[in-house]
Each structure stands twice: as structure tokens, then as C-alpha cells.
């Protein structure tokens, strides 16, 4: 009886530790990948506010679906939200994590793009 209880406690501790490790990984952003894109406001959509939903990061009034390339130049379409319309032709770097999606974005200069990505875009903004 005592042995069964010890095995049960050990199993519970292992399961709880596993959930804690997954939670820490999930919230930390580890395993994220950078993707790069050039803003094309024709690919932007203004979305309605979802009233009643608590948002700690502000309202995401705009949704972009852009063709983005990772550091190796491999591309895919990625959708992300912003609180404002972004500058036409600007280059951005998205931090993307499996399951969670886009964690953040920041504007970068053409020179900051990896060489494999630069080949997909013209140097400078589309004006």
C-alpha cells in the first residue's frame, strides 16, 4: 500500500513538472523563428473591435496577411494584427512561434535583412 502511494506521488510530481516545463517554454518564446516581410497596405484589412474581450496588448484594429521569408529565404503567408496602419514599403521582422503565432514585429532597414531574404525584395521602400 505504501509502495503504491509513493509511485502515485512520484507520477504526479513528474506530470506536474512536465506541465510546468511546457508552460515556461510556451511563455518564454523559445523556439521562435524570425520572418521578414515588406509592408503592402493593399494586403491589410481593417477589423472590428471585439467588444467585451480584455486585451492587454491594446486593440488590434488592422490585420495583415503578407508573404514572409525566414532567414534561409523560405517563404510563406503569415497573418498578424497591429494597432495601426504600417508604413507602405517598410521592412519588418516578425518573431513567430509555433502554436502562438506572431509574438511581435519591429521595423528594420533593408540592410538588416539576411542576404537570402534581400533577394526577394528591392532595396528600399515601394513609394
N, C-alpha and C. Protein backbone atom coordinates (compact mmCIF):
# COMPACT_ATOMS: atom_id res chain seq x y z
N UNK A 1 0.82 -1.19 0.00
CA UNK A 1 0.00 0.00 0.00
C UNK A 1 0.87 1.26 0.00
N UNK A 2 1.90 1.24 0.86
CA UNK A 2 2.82 2.37 0.94
C UNK A 2 3.57 2.56 -0.38
N UNK A 3 3.95 1.44 -1.01
CA UNK A 3 4.68 1.48 -2.26
C UNK A 3 3.82 2.08 -3.38
N UNK A 4 2.54 1.72 -3.43
CA UNK A 4 1.62 2.25 -4.44
C UNK A 4 1.44 3.75 -4.26
N UNK A 5 1.37 4.21 -3.02
CA UNK A 5 1.22 5.62 -2.75
C UNK A 5 2.45 6.40 -3.20
N UNK A 6 3.63 5.86 -2.97
CA UNK A 6 4.88 6.50 -3.39
C UNK A 6 4.96 6.59 -4.91
N UNK A 7 4.56 5.52 -5.59
CA UNK A 7 4.57 5.52 -7.06
C UNK A 7 3.58 6.56 -7.57
N UNK A 8 2.41 6.66 -6.97
CA UNK A 8 1.41 7.65 -7.37
C UNK A 8 1.91 9.07 -7.17
N UNK A 9 2.55 9.32 -6.04
CA UNK A 9 3.10 10.66 -5.77
C UNK A 9 4.19 10.99 -6.77
N UNK A 10 5.07 10.03 -7.03
CA UNK A 10 6.15 10.26 -8.00
C UNK A 10 5.58 10.56 -9.39
N UNK A 11 4.56 9.82 -9.80
CA UNK A 11 3.94 10.06 -11.11
C UNK A 11 3.31 11.45 -11.16
N UNK A 12 2.65 11.86 -10.09
CA UNK A 12 2.03 13.18 -10.04
C UNK A 12 3.09 14.28 -10.13
N UNK A 13 4.20 14.10 -9.42
CA UNK A 13 5.28 15.09 -9.47
C UNK A 13 5.85 15.20 -10.88
N UNK A 14 6.04 14.08 -11.55
CA UNK A 14 6.58 14.08 -12.92
C UNK A 14 5.62 14.78 -13.87
N UNK A 15 4.34 14.50 -13.75
CA UNK A 15 3.33 15.14 -14.62
C UNK A 15 3.28 16.64 -14.38
N UNK A 16 3.27 17.05 -13.13
CA UNK A 16 3.24 18.49 -12.81
C UNK A 16 4.50 19.17 -13.31
N UNK A 17 5.66 18.55 -13.15
CA UNK A 17 6.92 19.13 -13.64
C UNK A 17 6.88 19.26 -15.16
N UNK A 18 6.31 18.28 -15.83
CA UNK A 18 6.19 18.36 -17.30
C UNK A 18 5.33 19.53 -17.73
N UNK A 19 4.19 19.72 -17.06
CA UNK A 19 3.33 20.84 -17.40
C UNK A 19 4.02 22.17 -17.11
N UNK A 20 4.75 22.26 -16.02
CA UNK A 20 5.47 23.49 -15.69
C UNK A 20 6.54 23.80 -16.75
N UNK A 21 7.29 22.79 -17.16
CA UNK A 21 8.32 22.99 -18.19
C UNK A 21 7.70 23.44 -19.50
N UNK A 22 6.59 22.82 -19.90
CA UNK A 22 5.91 23.22 -21.12
C UNK A 22 5.42 24.65 -21.01
N UNK A 23 4.85 25.01 -19.86
CA UNK A 23 4.36 26.37 -19.65
C UNK A 23 5.46 27.41 -19.74
N UNK A 24 6.59 27.12 -19.13
CA UNK A 24 7.72 28.04 -19.20
C UNK A 24 8.21 28.19 -20.63
N UNK A 25 8.33 27.08 -21.36
CA UNK A 25 8.75 27.12 -22.76
C UNK A 25 7.76 27.92 -23.58
N UNK A 26 6.47 27.65 -23.38
CA UNK A 26 5.41 28.29 -24.16
C UNK A 26 5.41 29.80 -23.95
N UNK A 27 5.58 30.24 -22.72
CA UNK A 27 5.53 31.67 -22.42
C UNK A 27 6.83 32.39 -22.72
N UNK A 28 7.94 31.67 -22.76
CA UNK A 28 9.24 32.32 -22.95
C UNK A 28 9.51 32.75 -24.38
N UNK A 29 8.89 32.11 -25.34
CA UNK A 29 9.16 32.43 -26.74
C UNK A 29 10.31 31.62 -27.30
N UNK A 30 10.84 30.68 -26.52
CA UNK A 30 11.92 29.83 -27.02
C UNK A 30 11.39 29.02 -28.20
N UNK A 31 12.22 28.80 -29.17
CA UNK A 31 11.79 28.05 -30.35
C UNK A 31 11.16 28.94 -31.40
N UNK A 32 11.23 30.26 -31.21
CA UNK A 32 10.64 31.17 -32.19
C UNK A 32 11.58 31.35 -33.37
N UNK A 33 11.01 31.78 -34.48
CA UNK A 33 11.74 31.98 -35.73
C UNK A 33 11.48 33.40 -36.22
N UNK A 34 12.49 34.01 -36.82
CA UNK A 34 12.30 35.32 -37.42
C UNK A 34 11.86 35.16 -38.86
N UNK A 35 10.87 35.96 -39.25
CA UNK A 35 10.42 36.07 -40.63
C UNK A 35 10.48 37.53 -41.01
N UNK A 36 10.70 37.79 -42.28
CA UNK A 36 10.85 39.16 -42.77
C UNK A 36 9.84 39.40 -43.88
N UNK A 37 9.33 40.64 -43.94
CA UNK A 37 8.35 40.99 -44.96
C UNK A 37 8.47 42.46 -45.30
N UNK A 38 7.88 42.82 -46.44
CA UNK A 38 7.77 44.22 -46.82
C UNK A 38 6.29 44.58 -46.78
N UNK A 39 5.98 45.70 -46.14
CA UNK A 39 4.59 46.10 -45.96
C UNK A 39 3.95 46.45 -47.29
N UNK A 40 2.78 45.86 -47.52
CA UNK A 40 1.94 46.14 -48.68
C UNK A 40 0.55 46.40 -48.13
N UNK A 41 0.18 47.68 -48.05
CA UNK A 41 -1.09 48.03 -47.42
C UNK A 41 -2.31 47.57 -48.20
N UNK A 42 -2.12 47.10 -49.43
CA UNK A 42 -3.26 46.50 -50.14
C UNK A 42 -3.60 45.13 -49.56
N UNK A 43 -2.70 44.57 -48.75
CA UNK A 43 -2.91 43.27 -48.09
C UNK A 43 -3.41 43.45 -46.66
N UNK A 44 -3.77 44.68 -46.31
CA UNK A 44 -4.24 44.99 -44.97
C UNK A 44 -5.76 45.02 -44.95
N UNK A 45 -6.30 44.63 -43.82
CA UNK A 45 -7.75 44.65 -43.65
C UNK A 45 -8.04 45.28 -42.30
N UNK A 46 -9.00 46.20 -42.28
CA UNK A 46 -9.38 46.80 -41.00
C UNK A 46 -10.41 45.87 -40.37
N UNK A 47 -10.18 45.52 -39.11
CA UNK A 47 -11.06 44.57 -38.43
C UNK A 47 -11.82 45.27 -37.32
N UNK A 48 -13.01 44.74 -37.02
CA UNK A 48 -13.83 45.33 -35.96
C UNK A 48 -13.31 44.92 -34.59
N UNK A 49 -13.45 45.83 -33.67
CA UNK A 49 -13.06 45.54 -32.29
C UNK A 49 -14.01 44.49 -31.72
N UNK A 50 -13.46 43.58 -30.95
CA UNK A 50 -14.27 42.55 -30.30
C UNK A 50 -14.64 43.05 -28.92
N UNK A 51 -15.73 43.77 -28.82
CA UNK A 51 -16.16 44.36 -27.56
C UNK A 51 -16.30 43.32 -26.46
N UNK A 52 -15.89 43.69 -25.26
CA UNK A 52 -16.03 42.80 -24.12
C UNK A 52 -14.84 41.91 -23.87
N UNK A 53 -13.92 41.83 -24.81
CA UNK A 53 -12.74 40.99 -24.65
C UNK A 53 -11.62 41.83 -24.05
N UNK A 54 -11.01 41.34 -22.99
CA UNK A 54 -9.90 42.06 -22.37
C UNK A 54 -8.65 41.86 -23.21
N UNK A 55 -8.00 42.96 -23.57
CA UNK A 55 -6.78 42.89 -24.36
C UNK A 55 -5.69 43.64 -23.63
N UNK A 56 -4.64 42.93 -23.24
CA UNK A 56 -3.54 43.56 -22.52
C UNK A 56 -2.55 44.23 -23.46
N UNK A 57 -2.61 43.92 -24.74
CA UNK A 57 -1.66 44.49 -25.70
C UNK A 57 -2.28 45.58 -26.54
N UNK A 58 -3.43 46.09 -26.17
CA UNK A 58 -4.10 47.11 -26.95
C UNK A 58 -4.96 46.47 -28.02
N UNK A 59 -5.76 47.30 -28.70
CA UNK A 59 -6.64 46.74 -29.72
C UNK A 59 -5.87 46.52 -31.01
N UNK A 60 -6.18 45.43 -31.68
CA UNK A 60 -5.57 45.11 -32.96
C UNK A 60 -6.59 45.43 -34.05
N UNK A 61 -6.58 46.68 -34.51
CA UNK A 61 -7.58 47.15 -35.45
C UNK A 61 -7.26 46.81 -36.90
N UNK A 62 -6.03 46.39 -37.17
CA UNK A 62 -5.62 46.08 -38.54
C UNK A 62 -5.03 44.68 -38.60
N UNK A 63 -5.35 43.99 -39.68
CA UNK A 63 -4.84 42.64 -39.89
C UNK A 63 -4.10 42.61 -41.22
N UNK A 64 -2.87 42.13 -41.20
CA UNK A 64 -2.06 41.99 -42.42
C UNK A 64 -1.83 40.51 -42.71
N UNK A 65 -1.92 40.15 -43.96
CA UNK A 65 -1.50 38.82 -44.42
C UNK A 65 -0.46 39.07 -45.49
N UNK A 66 0.79 38.81 -45.15
CA UNK A 66 1.91 39.12 -46.04
C UNK A 66 2.73 37.87 -46.33
N UNK A 67 3.35 37.86 -47.50
CA UNK A 67 4.31 36.80 -47.82
C UNK A 67 5.59 37.14 -47.06
N UNK A 68 6.04 36.23 -46.22
CA UNK A 68 7.20 36.45 -45.37
C UNK A 68 8.24 35.37 -45.63
N UNK A 69 9.51 35.73 -45.45
CA UNK A 69 10.62 34.79 -45.65
C UNK A 69 11.38 34.62 -44.35
N UNK A 70 11.79 33.37 -44.07
CA UNK A 70 12.63 33.15 -42.89
C UNK A 70 14.08 33.48 -43.26
N UNK A 71 15.01 33.28 -42.34
CA UNK A 71 16.40 33.66 -42.56
C UNK A 71 17.06 32.89 -43.70
N UNK A 72 16.49 31.73 -44.08
CA UNK A 72 17.01 30.94 -45.20
C UNK A 72 16.38 31.32 -46.53
N UNK A 73 15.43 32.25 -46.51
CA UNK A 73 14.77 32.69 -47.74
C UNK A 73 13.52 31.89 -48.08
N UNK A 74 13.16 30.90 -47.25
CA UNK A 74 11.94 30.12 -47.49
C UNK A 74 10.75 30.95 -47.05
N UNK A 75 9.70 30.98 -47.88
CA UNK A 75 8.60 31.86 -47.59
C UNK A 75 7.27 31.19 -47.36
N UNK A 76 6.39 31.95 -46.71
CA UNK A 76 5.00 31.53 -46.51
C UNK A 76 4.19 32.76 -46.13
N UNK A 77 2.86 32.66 -46.28
CA UNK A 77 1.98 33.74 -45.88
C UNK A 77 1.77 33.69 -44.38
N UNK A 78 1.87 34.86 -43.74
CA UNK A 78 1.66 34.96 -42.29
C UNK A 78 0.68 36.10 -42.04
N UNK A 79 -0.28 35.86 -41.17
CA UNK A 79 -1.26 36.87 -40.77
C UNK A 79 -0.94 37.34 -39.36
N UNK A 80 -0.98 38.65 -39.17
CA UNK A 80 -0.72 39.23 -37.84
C UNK A 80 -1.52 40.51 -37.69
N UNK A 81 -1.74 40.91 -36.47
CA UNK A 81 -2.51 42.11 -36.19
C UNK A 81 -1.64 43.25 -35.70
N UNK A 82 -2.11 44.47 -35.94
CA UNK A 82 -1.43 45.67 -35.45
C UNK A 82 -2.48 46.65 -34.96
N UNK A 83 -2.04 47.61 -34.19
CA UNK A 83 -2.96 48.62 -33.68
C UNK A 83 -3.04 49.83 -34.60
N UNK A 84 -2.17 49.84 -35.64
CA UNK A 84 -2.16 50.99 -36.56
C UNK A 84 -1.77 50.52 -37.95
N UNK A 85 -2.03 51.36 -38.92
CA UNK A 85 -1.61 51.08 -40.29
C UNK A 85 -0.10 51.28 -40.38
N UNK A 86 0.59 50.35 -41.01
CA UNK A 86 2.05 50.42 -41.10
C UNK A 86 2.48 51.16 -42.36
N UNK A 87 3.74 51.65 -42.35
CA UNK A 87 4.27 52.42 -43.48
C UNK A 87 4.42 51.55 -44.71
N UNK A 88 3.81 51.99 -45.80
CA UNK A 88 3.89 51.28 -47.09
C UNK A 88 5.36 51.11 -47.48
N UNK A 89 5.73 49.89 -47.82
CA UNK A 89 7.08 49.60 -48.29
C UNK A 89 8.11 49.36 -47.20
N UNK A 90 7.74 49.58 -45.95
CA UNK A 90 8.69 49.37 -44.85
C UNK A 90 8.97 47.87 -44.71
N UNK A 91 10.15 47.55 -44.22
CA UNK A 91 10.52 46.16 -43.96
C UNK A 91 10.31 45.87 -42.48
N UNK A 92 9.79 44.69 -42.19
CA UNK A 92 9.56 44.31 -40.80
C UNK A 92 10.15 42.93 -40.53
N UNK A 93 10.46 42.71 -39.26
CA UNK A 93 10.90 41.40 -38.79
C UNK A 93 9.84 40.91 -37.80
N UNK A 94 9.27 39.74 -38.08
CA UNK A 94 8.27 39.13 -37.22
C UNK A 94 8.92 38.04 -36.39
N UNK A 95 8.59 37.97 -35.13
CA UNK A 95 9.01 36.86 -34.28
C UNK A 95 7.82 35.92 -34.21
N UNK A 96 7.98 34.71 -34.77
CA UNK A 96 6.88 33.76 -34.89
C UNK A 96 7.22 32.49 -34.12
N UNK A 97 6.24 32.03 -33.36
CA UNK A 97 6.42 30.81 -32.57
C UNK A 97 5.33 29.81 -32.94
N UNK A 98 5.69 28.53 -33.06
CA UNK A 98 4.66 27.52 -33.33
C UNK A 98 3.57 27.60 -32.26
N UNK A 99 2.36 27.38 -32.64
CA UNK A 99 1.16 27.40 -31.81
C UNK A 99 0.73 28.83 -31.49
N UNK A 100 1.62 29.66 -30.97
CA UNK A 100 1.25 31.01 -30.55
C UNK A 100 1.15 31.99 -31.71
N UNK A 101 1.86 31.74 -32.80
CA UNK A 101 1.82 32.66 -33.93
C UNK A 101 2.81 33.80 -33.76
N UNK A 102 2.43 34.97 -34.26
CA UNK A 102 3.32 36.15 -34.23
C UNK A 102 3.34 36.72 -32.81
N UNK A 103 4.54 36.75 -32.23
CA UNK A 103 4.70 37.29 -30.88
C UNK A 103 4.91 38.80 -30.91
N UNK A 104 5.70 39.26 -31.90
CA UNK A 104 5.99 40.69 -32.02
C UNK A 104 6.50 40.98 -33.41
N UNK A 105 6.54 42.25 -33.75
CA UNK A 105 7.12 42.69 -35.01
C UNK A 105 7.88 43.99 -34.75
N UNK A 106 8.86 44.24 -35.59
CA UNK A 106 9.59 45.51 -35.50
C UNK A 106 10.06 45.90 -36.90
N UNK A 107 10.12 47.20 -37.12
CA UNK A 107 10.58 47.69 -38.42
C UNK A 107 12.10 47.56 -38.48
N UNK A 108 12.61 47.13 -39.63
CA UNK A 108 14.05 47.00 -39.86
C UNK A 108 14.41 47.68 -41.18
N UNK A 109 15.67 47.96 -41.36
CA UNK A 109 16.16 48.52 -42.61
C UNK A 109 16.49 47.40 -43.60
N UNK A 110 16.49 47.72 -44.87
CA UNK A 110 16.80 46.72 -45.91
C UNK A 110 18.15 46.06 -45.63
N UNK A 111 19.13 46.83 -45.20
CA UNK A 111 20.47 46.32 -44.94
C UNK A 111 20.49 45.30 -43.79
N UNK A 112 19.48 45.33 -42.93
CA UNK A 112 19.41 44.41 -41.80
C UNK A 112 18.80 43.05 -42.18
N UNK A 113 18.22 42.97 -43.38
CA UNK A 113 17.64 41.71 -43.83
C UNK A 113 18.75 40.71 -44.13
N UNK A 114 18.56 39.43 -43.80
CA UNK A 114 19.56 38.42 -44.19
C UNK A 114 19.71 38.40 -45.72
N UNK A 115 20.89 38.05 -46.21
CA UNK A 115 21.14 38.04 -47.65
C UNK A 115 20.14 37.19 -48.42
N UNK A 116 19.77 36.05 -47.86
CA UNK A 116 18.81 35.17 -48.54
C UNK A 116 17.44 35.83 -48.67
N UNK A 117 17.14 36.77 -47.79
CA UNK A 117 15.86 37.46 -47.83
C UNK A 117 15.94 38.68 -48.76
N UNK A 118 17.06 39.36 -48.78
CA UNK A 118 17.22 40.55 -49.61
C UNK A 118 16.91 40.28 -51.07
N UNK A 119 17.22 39.08 -51.54
CA UNK A 119 16.96 38.74 -52.94
C UNK A 119 15.49 38.75 -53.31
N UNK A 120 14.61 38.68 -52.32
CA UNK A 120 13.16 38.69 -52.58
C UNK A 120 12.58 40.09 -52.66
N UNK A 121 13.36 41.11 -52.31
CA UNK A 121 12.85 42.47 -52.24
C UNK A 121 13.82 43.42 -52.93
N UNK A 122 13.27 44.56 -53.36
CA UNK A 122 14.11 45.61 -53.91
C UNK A 122 14.68 46.40 -52.74
N UNK A 123 15.85 46.95 -52.90
CA UNK A 123 16.46 47.74 -51.82
C UNK A 123 15.73 49.04 -51.64
N UNK A 124 15.07 49.20 -50.56
CA UNK A 124 14.34 50.44 -50.28
C UNK A 124 12.84 50.22 -50.31
N UNK A 125 12.13 51.30 -50.08
CA UNK A 125 10.68 51.22 -49.96
C UNK A 125 10.00 51.34 -51.31
N UNK A 126 8.79 50.75 -51.37
CA UNK A 126 7.93 50.93 -52.54
C UNK A 126 7.16 52.24 -52.33
N UNK A 127 7.52 53.28 -53.01
CA UNK A 127 6.79 54.56 -52.84
C UNK A 127 6.15 55.00 -54.10
